[in-house]
Amino acid sequence: MKLELYKFNGCPYCAKVLSAIRESGRTDIELHDIRENEADRQRLVRDGGKEQVPCLFIDGKPLYESMDIINWLAANPQ
């Protein structure tokens, strides 16, 4: 399963998701900062349909909303 989190520094919702990832001990999530990499921002908009973070791509399918992401991570441990 490929997991990619699109985020940017300073986003409180992203920080909440990142904290949940750290607490879970997960190491299988690629991080992409849309403010540091224009290609990542463009991919988020192209494949996700909007420029909203945090967004967790699960095998290419976007999942938005921090609590939905956190709940998915809890239900699908590494």
N, C-alpha and C. Protein backbone atom coordinates (compact mmCIF):
# COMPACT_ATOMS: atom_id res chain seq x y z
N MET A 1 0.85 -1.17 0.00
CA MET A 1 0.00 0.00 0.00
C MET A 1 0.90 1.24 0.00
N LYS A 2 0.59 2.19 -0.88
CA LYS A 2 1.36 3.42 -0.95
C LYS A 2 0.60 4.54 -0.26
N LEU A 3 1.26 5.17 0.72
CA LEU A 3 0.67 6.26 1.49
C LEU A 3 1.51 7.51 1.30
N GLU A 4 0.84 8.61 0.91
CA GLU A 4 1.51 9.88 0.71
C GLU A 4 0.69 10.97 1.38
N LEU A 5 1.33 11.74 2.26
CA LEU A 5 0.66 12.84 2.94
C LEU A 5 1.11 14.16 2.34
N TYR A 6 0.15 14.92 1.86
CA TYR A 6 0.41 16.26 1.33
C TYR A 6 0.06 17.25 2.42
N LYS A 7 0.98 18.17 2.69
CA LYS A 7 0.86 19.08 3.83
C LYS A 7 1.69 20.32 3.58
N PHE A 8 1.64 21.27 4.52
CA PHE A 8 2.62 22.35 4.53
C PHE A 8 2.88 22.77 5.97
N ASN A 9 4.09 23.24 6.19
CA ASN A 9 4.49 23.68 7.53
C ASN A 9 3.64 24.88 7.94
N GLY A 10 3.21 24.88 9.19
CA GLY A 10 2.40 25.97 9.71
C GLY A 10 0.91 25.67 9.67
N CYS A 11 0.51 24.61 9.02
CA CYS A 11 -0.91 24.21 8.96
C CYS A 11 -1.24 23.44 10.25
N PRO A 12 -2.16 23.96 11.07
CA PRO A 12 -2.46 23.27 12.33
C PRO A 12 -3.09 21.89 12.13
N TYR A 13 -3.85 21.72 11.08
CA TYR A 13 -4.48 20.41 10.83
C TYR A 13 -3.44 19.40 10.38
N CYS A 14 -2.46 19.88 9.61
CA CYS A 14 -1.36 19.01 9.20
C CYS A 14 -0.55 18.58 10.42
N ALA A 15 -0.31 19.54 11.33
CA ALA A 15 0.45 19.23 12.55
C ALA A 15 -0.27 18.16 13.37
N LYS A 16 -1.58 18.24 13.41
CA LYS A 16 -2.37 17.25 14.14
C LYS A 16 -2.19 15.85 13.53
N VAL A 17 -2.23 15.77 12.21
CA VAL A 17 -2.06 14.49 11.52
C VAL A 17 -0.63 13.99 11.71
N LEU A 18 0.35 14.88 11.57
CA LEU A 18 1.75 14.48 11.75
C LEU A 18 2.00 13.96 13.16
N SER A 19 1.36 14.58 14.14
CA SER A 19 1.49 14.11 15.53
C SER A 19 0.92 12.70 15.67
N ALA A 20 -0.22 12.45 15.05
CA ALA A 20 -0.82 11.11 15.11
C ALA A 20 0.08 10.08 14.43
N ILE A 21 0.72 10.48 13.33
CA ILE A 21 1.64 9.58 12.63
C ILE A 21 2.83 9.25 13.53
N ARG A 22 3.41 10.27 14.16
CA ARG A 22 4.54 10.05 15.07
C ARG A 22 4.15 9.13 16.22
N GLU A 23 3.00 9.40 16.82
CA GLU A 23 2.55 8.60 17.95
C GLU A 23 2.31 7.14 17.56
N SER A 24 1.87 6.93 16.32
CA SER A 24 1.60 5.57 15.87
C SER A 24 2.87 4.80 15.54
N GLY A 25 3.97 5.53 15.34
CA GLY A 25 5.22 4.89 14.98
C GLY A 25 5.32 4.52 13.51
N ARG A 26 4.39 4.99 12.71
CA ARG A 26 4.40 4.66 11.28
C ARG A 26 5.62 5.25 10.60
N THR A 27 6.15 4.47 9.68
CA THR A 27 7.31 4.91 8.90
C THR A 27 7.08 4.72 7.40
N ASP A 28 5.83 4.41 7.04
CA ASP A 28 5.53 4.06 5.66
C ASP A 28 4.79 5.16 4.89
N ILE A 29 4.86 6.39 5.38
CA ILE A 29 4.13 7.49 4.75
C ILE A 29 5.12 8.50 4.17
N GLU A 30 5.03 8.71 2.86
CA GLU A 30 5.85 9.73 2.20
C GLU A 30 5.24 11.09 2.49
N LEU A 31 6.08 12.06 2.83
CA LEU A 31 5.61 13.42 3.09
C LEU A 31 5.92 14.32 1.91
N HIS A 32 4.95 15.15 1.56
CA HIS A 32 5.10 16.10 0.45
C HIS A 32 4.63 17.46 0.93
N ASP A 33 5.51 18.46 0.88
CA ASP A 33 5.16 19.81 1.30
C ASP A 33 4.82 20.64 0.07
N ILE A 34 3.56 21.05 -0.03
CA ILE A 34 3.09 21.74 -1.24
C ILE A 34 3.61 23.17 -1.35
N ARG A 35 4.16 23.71 -0.28
CA ARG A 35 4.73 25.06 -0.35
C ARG A 35 6.23 25.03 -0.63
N GLU A 36 6.83 23.87 -0.51
CA GLU A 36 8.26 23.75 -0.81
C GLU A 36 8.51 23.11 -2.16
N ASN A 37 7.49 22.49 -2.74
CA ASN A 37 7.67 21.80 -4.01
C ASN A 37 6.45 22.03 -4.90
N GLU A 38 6.64 22.81 -5.95
CA GLU A 38 5.53 23.15 -6.85
C GLU A 38 4.96 21.91 -7.53
N ALA A 39 5.80 20.95 -7.86
CA ALA A 39 5.30 19.72 -8.49
C ALA A 39 4.36 18.97 -7.55
N ASP A 40 4.66 18.98 -6.26
CA ASP A 40 3.77 18.34 -5.29
C ASP A 40 2.43 19.07 -5.22
N ARG A 41 2.46 20.40 -5.23
CA ARG A 41 1.23 21.18 -5.20
C ARG A 41 0.38 20.88 -6.43
N GLN A 42 1.02 20.84 -7.58
CA GLN A 42 0.31 20.57 -8.83
C GLN A 42 -0.29 19.17 -8.82
N ARG A 43 0.45 18.21 -8.31
CA ARG A 43 -0.07 16.83 -8.25
C ARG A 43 -1.28 16.76 -7.32
N LEU A 44 -1.22 17.46 -6.17
CA LEU A 44 -2.34 17.48 -5.24
C LEU A 44 -3.59 18.00 -5.93
N VAL A 45 -3.47 19.12 -6.64
CA VAL A 45 -4.61 19.71 -7.32
C VAL A 45 -5.10 18.81 -8.46
N ARG A 46 -4.17 18.29 -9.23
CA ARG A 46 -4.52 17.44 -10.38
C ARG A 46 -5.21 16.15 -9.94
N ASP A 47 -4.61 15.45 -8.98
CA ASP A 47 -5.12 14.13 -8.60
C ASP A 47 -6.14 14.17 -7.47
N GLY A 48 -6.07 15.21 -6.65
CA GLY A 48 -7.01 15.32 -5.54
C GLY A 48 -8.20 16.21 -5.85
N GLY A 49 -8.04 17.09 -6.84
CA GLY A 49 -9.14 17.93 -7.24
C GLY A 49 -9.21 19.27 -6.54
N LYS A 50 -8.37 19.47 -5.53
CA LYS A 50 -8.36 20.76 -4.82
C LYS A 50 -7.05 20.93 -4.08
N GLU A 51 -6.75 22.17 -3.75
CA GLU A 51 -5.51 22.48 -3.03
C GLU A 51 -5.81 22.59 -1.54
N GLN A 52 -6.14 21.46 -0.96
CA GLN A 52 -6.47 21.41 0.47
C GLN A 52 -5.56 20.41 1.15
N VAL A 53 -5.02 20.82 2.29
CA VAL A 53 -4.21 19.94 3.10
C VAL A 53 -4.78 19.89 4.50
N PRO A 54 -4.53 18.84 5.24
CA PRO A 54 -3.79 17.66 4.84
C PRO A 54 -4.60 16.78 3.90
N CYS A 55 -3.88 16.07 3.07
CA CYS A 55 -4.50 15.09 2.18
C CYS A 55 -3.62 13.85 2.19
N LEU A 56 -4.21 12.73 2.53
CA LEU A 56 -3.50 11.46 2.50
C LEU A 56 -3.96 10.69 1.27
N PHE A 57 -3.01 10.45 0.36
CA PHE A 57 -3.30 9.60 -0.78
C PHE A 57 -3.04 8.15 -0.37
N ILE A 58 -4.07 7.33 -0.51
CA ILE A 58 -3.98 5.92 -0.19
C ILE A 58 -4.07 5.17 -1.51
N ASP A 59 -2.93 4.65 -1.95
CA ASP A 59 -2.86 4.02 -3.27
C ASP A 59 -3.47 4.92 -4.35
N GLY A 60 -3.16 6.21 -4.27
CA GLY A 60 -3.58 7.16 -5.28
C GLY A 60 -4.94 7.79 -5.06
N LYS A 61 -5.68 7.34 -4.04
CA LYS A 61 -7.01 7.90 -3.76
C LYS A 61 -6.90 8.90 -2.61
N PRO A 62 -7.39 10.15 -2.82
CA PRO A 62 -7.24 11.17 -1.79
C PRO A 62 -8.22 11.01 -0.63
N LEU A 63 -7.72 11.29 0.56
CA LEU A 63 -8.55 11.35 1.77
C LEU A 63 -8.24 12.68 2.44
N TYR A 64 -9.25 13.52 2.56
CA TYR A 64 -9.10 14.84 3.17
C TYR A 64 -9.66 14.82 4.59
N GLU A 65 -9.48 15.93 5.28
CA GLU A 65 -9.95 16.17 6.64
C GLU A 65 -9.08 15.44 7.66
N SER A 66 -8.50 16.22 8.56
CA SER A 66 -7.53 15.67 9.50
C SER A 66 -8.11 14.53 10.35
N MET A 67 -9.33 14.66 10.85
CA MET A 67 -9.89 13.60 11.69
C MET A 67 -10.18 12.34 10.88
N ASP A 68 -10.58 12.50 9.62
CA ASP A 68 -10.79 11.32 8.77
C ASP A 68 -9.47 10.59 8.54
N ILE A 69 -8.41 11.35 8.34
CA ILE A 69 -7.08 10.76 8.14
C ILE A 69 -6.63 10.05 9.42
N ILE A 70 -6.77 10.72 10.54
CA ILE A 70 -6.36 10.13 11.83
C ILE A 70 -7.17 8.86 12.12
N ASN A 71 -8.46 8.90 11.86
CA ASN A 71 -9.30 7.71 12.07
C ASN A 71 -8.89 6.57 11.14
N TRP A 72 -8.56 6.90 9.87
CA TRP A 72 -8.13 5.87 8.94
C TRP A 72 -6.82 5.24 9.41
N LEU A 73 -5.89 6.08 9.87
CA LEU A 73 -4.60 5.57 10.35
C LEU A 73 -4.80 4.64 11.55
N ALA A 74 -5.71 5.01 12.45
CA ALA A 74 -5.96 4.17 13.63
C ALA A 74 -6.59 2.84 13.24
N ALA A 75 -7.43 2.86 12.22
CA ALA A 75 -8.12 1.64 11.79
C ALA A 75 -7.24 0.76 10.90
N ASN A 76 -6.14 1.32 10.41
CA ASN A 76 -5.25 0.59 9.49
C ASN A 76 -3.80 0.70 9.96
N PRO A 77 -3.47 0.05 11.07
CA PRO A 77 -2.10 0.15 11.58
C PRO A 77 -1.09 -0.43 10.59
N GLN A 78 0.13 0.02 10.75
CA GLN A 78 1.21 -0.40 9.84
C GLN A 78 1.47 -1.88 9.93
